[in-house]
Amino acid sequence: MEELAKEYTDPRTGIHYTLGEDELYYPDIHEPSEQEMLQTLGKYGRMAARYLKENDPWQYDLYVEFTQLGKIMREVDREANELLDQLETDYIKKHPIEHPGDFMETWQLRTQARMVAEEVVINQIVNQVR
C-alpha cells in the first residue's frame, strides 16, 4: 500500500490538510489572531477597536473571545466611511468655491471638509463603546 503524505495542500483551493491517525485528511482550520484580524480593518475600524480596548477592555476581550471583534469593527469602518463621504459632500455644497479654477482654494476647502467630517465621524461613530 502506498504511503500517504503527512500534509497536503489542495492546489485548487489552497487549503492545507494534515493526515490524521485514521488515514483521513483534515483541514487545518484556525481562527485568525487578534493581530491578523486588526490588519484587515480600515482606519476607522482600527481606531474603534483601540478605543474599545482602552475604554472597555472587558467588552473588547469578550468580542475577541467569541470572534466578533472583526465583524463588528468592519461594520464600524463601513459606517464611518459612509458618513465621512456624506459629510464631506454636504460641507462642500454648503461652502461653494469662490474661484473654481484656483487649485489652492479648492485644496483648502477639501482639506477643511475632510477635517470637519473626520471629527464628527470620530466622535459619533468611532469613539463609542459597543
Protein backbone atom coordinates (compact mmCIF):
# COMPACT_ATOMS: atom_id res chain seq x y z
CA MET A 1 0.00 0.00 0.00
CA GLU A 2 1.20 3.48 -0.88
CA GLU A 3 2.47 5.72 1.92
CA LEU A 4 0.30 8.84 2.32
CA ALA A 5 1.88 12.26 2.69
CA LYS A 6 1.53 13.71 6.21
CA GLU A 7 0.47 17.07 4.80
CA TYR A 8 -1.34 18.08 1.64
CA THR A 9 -2.36 21.40 0.09
CA ASP A 10 -5.21 21.39 -2.39
CA PRO A 11 -3.96 23.28 -5.47
CA ARG A 12 -7.48 24.42 -6.43
CA THR A 13 -8.48 25.92 -3.07
CA GLY A 14 -5.15 26.46 -1.32
CA ILE A 15 -6.49 24.73 1.79
CA HIS A 16 -3.87 22.89 3.81
CA TYR A 17 -4.70 19.41 5.13
CA THR A 18 -2.98 17.17 7.71
CA LEU A 19 -3.18 13.37 7.74
CA GLY A 20 -4.97 12.05 10.82
CA GLU A 21 -4.37 8.76 12.66
CA ASP A 22 -7.33 7.24 10.82
CA GLU A 23 -5.58 8.00 7.49
CA LEU A 24 -8.05 10.74 6.58
CA TYR A 25 -7.00 14.26 5.69
CA TYR A 26 -8.34 17.04 7.94
CA PRO A 27 -8.27 20.74 7.02
CA ASP A 28 -6.03 22.93 9.14
CA ILE A 29 -8.54 25.47 10.38
CA HIS A 30 -7.57 28.21 12.76
CA GLU A 31 -9.15 31.43 13.88
CA PRO A 32 -7.17 34.49 12.83
CA SER A 33 -5.22 36.02 15.67
CA GLU A 34 -6.22 39.39 17.06
CA GLN A 35 -3.26 40.97 15.26
CA GLU A 36 -4.15 39.32 11.91
CA MET A 37 -7.73 40.47 12.24
CA LEU A 38 -6.77 44.06 13.06
CA GLN A 39 -4.51 44.22 9.99
CA THR A 40 -7.52 43.63 7.73
CA LEU A 41 -9.51 46.54 9.16
CA GLY A 42 -9.64 50.04 7.75
CA LYS A 43 -8.59 53.19 9.57
CA TYR A 44 -11.80 53.73 11.50
CA GLY A 45 -12.23 50.07 12.40
CA ARG A 46 -8.73 50.02 13.92
CA MET A 47 -9.42 53.29 15.76
CA ALA A 48 -12.70 51.93 17.15
CA ALA A 49 -11.00 48.70 18.25
CA ARG A 50 -8.28 50.68 20.03
CA TYR A 51 -10.88 52.91 21.70
CA LEU A 52 -12.87 49.88 22.85
CA LYS A 53 -9.74 48.14 24.16
CA GLU A 54 -8.72 51.22 26.17
CA ASN A 55 -12.18 52.16 27.48
CA ASP A 56 -13.96 48.83 27.91
CA PRO A 57 -11.35 46.06 27.98
CA TRP A 58 -13.89 43.55 29.28
CA GLN A 59 -16.16 44.04 26.23
CA TYR A 60 -13.14 44.01 23.92
CA ASP A 61 -11.93 40.69 25.34
CA LEU A 62 -15.44 39.27 25.03
CA TYR A 63 -15.59 40.20 21.33
CA VAL A 64 -12.14 38.67 20.77
CA GLU A 65 -13.11 35.51 22.68
CA PHE A 66 -16.23 34.97 20.58
CA THR A 67 -14.54 36.09 17.33
CA GLN A 68 -16.97 39.00 16.88
CA LEU A 69 -14.44 41.84 17.00
CA GLY A 70 -13.59 41.72 13.30
CA LYS A 71 -17.22 41.61 12.19
CA ILE A 72 -18.23 44.50 14.45
CA MET A 73 -15.22 46.66 13.59
CA ARG A 74 -15.67 46.08 9.84
CA GLU A 75 -19.24 47.35 10.23
CA VAL A 76 -17.97 50.38 12.19
CA ASP A 77 -15.42 51.06 9.44
CA ARG A 78 -18.07 50.81 6.71
CA GLU A 79 -20.49 53.07 8.59
CA ALA A 80 -17.76 55.62 9.37
CA ASN A 81 -16.61 55.82 5.74
CA GLU A 82 -20.18 56.28 4.51
CA LEU A 83 -20.80 59.09 6.99
CA LEU A 84 -17.43 60.68 6.17
CA ASP A 85 -18.24 60.79 2.46
CA GLN A 86 -21.70 62.21 3.11
CA LEU A 87 -20.44 64.89 5.50
CA GLU A 88 -17.66 65.94 3.12
CA THR A 89 -20.12 66.26 0.24
CA ASP A 90 -22.55 68.26 2.37
CA TYR A 91 -19.78 70.58 3.62
CA ILE A 92 -18.56 71.30 0.08
CA LYS A 93 -22.13 72.03 -1.06
CA LYS A 94 -22.66 74.46 1.83
CA HIS A 95 -19.34 76.24 1.23
CA PRO A 96 -19.03 76.78 -2.53
CA ILE A 97 -15.66 77.65 -4.01
CA GLU A 98 -15.45 81.34 -4.95
CA HIS A 99 -12.84 80.78 -7.67
CA PRO A 100 -13.33 77.25 -9.12
CA GLY A 101 -10.09 77.43 -11.10
CA ASP A 102 -7.98 78.20 -8.04
CA PHE A 103 -6.25 74.97 -7.05
CA MET A 104 -5.19 76.17 -3.59
CA GLU A 105 -8.68 77.34 -2.67
CA THR A 106 -10.14 74.02 -3.82
CA TRP A 107 -7.49 72.06 -1.92
CA GLN A 108 -8.05 74.11 1.25
CA LEU A 109 -11.81 73.64 1.09
CA ARG A 110 -11.50 69.89 0.58
CA THR A 111 -8.96 69.60 3.40
CA GLN A 112 -11.19 71.58 5.73
CA ALA A 113 -14.21 69.48 4.73
CA ARG A 114 -12.24 66.29 5.48
CA MET A 115 -11.10 67.57 8.87
CA VAL A 116 -14.60 68.62 9.94
CA ALA A 117 -16.13 65.36 8.70
CA GLU A 118 -13.44 63.25 10.41
CA GLU A 119 -14.03 64.98 13.73
CA VAL A 120 -17.75 64.21 13.55
CA VAL A 121 -17.14 60.60 12.48
CA ILE A 122 -14.65 60.00 15.28
CA ASN A 123 -16.96 61.46 17.93
CA GLN A 124 -20.22 59.92 16.69
CA ILE A 125 -19.13 56.50 15.45
CA VAL A 126 -15.55 55.58 16.33
CA ASN A 127 -15.41 56.67 19.97
CA GLN A 128 -18.43 54.69 21.09
CA VAL A 129 -18.37 51.64 23.31
CA ARG A 130 -20.36 48.88 21.64
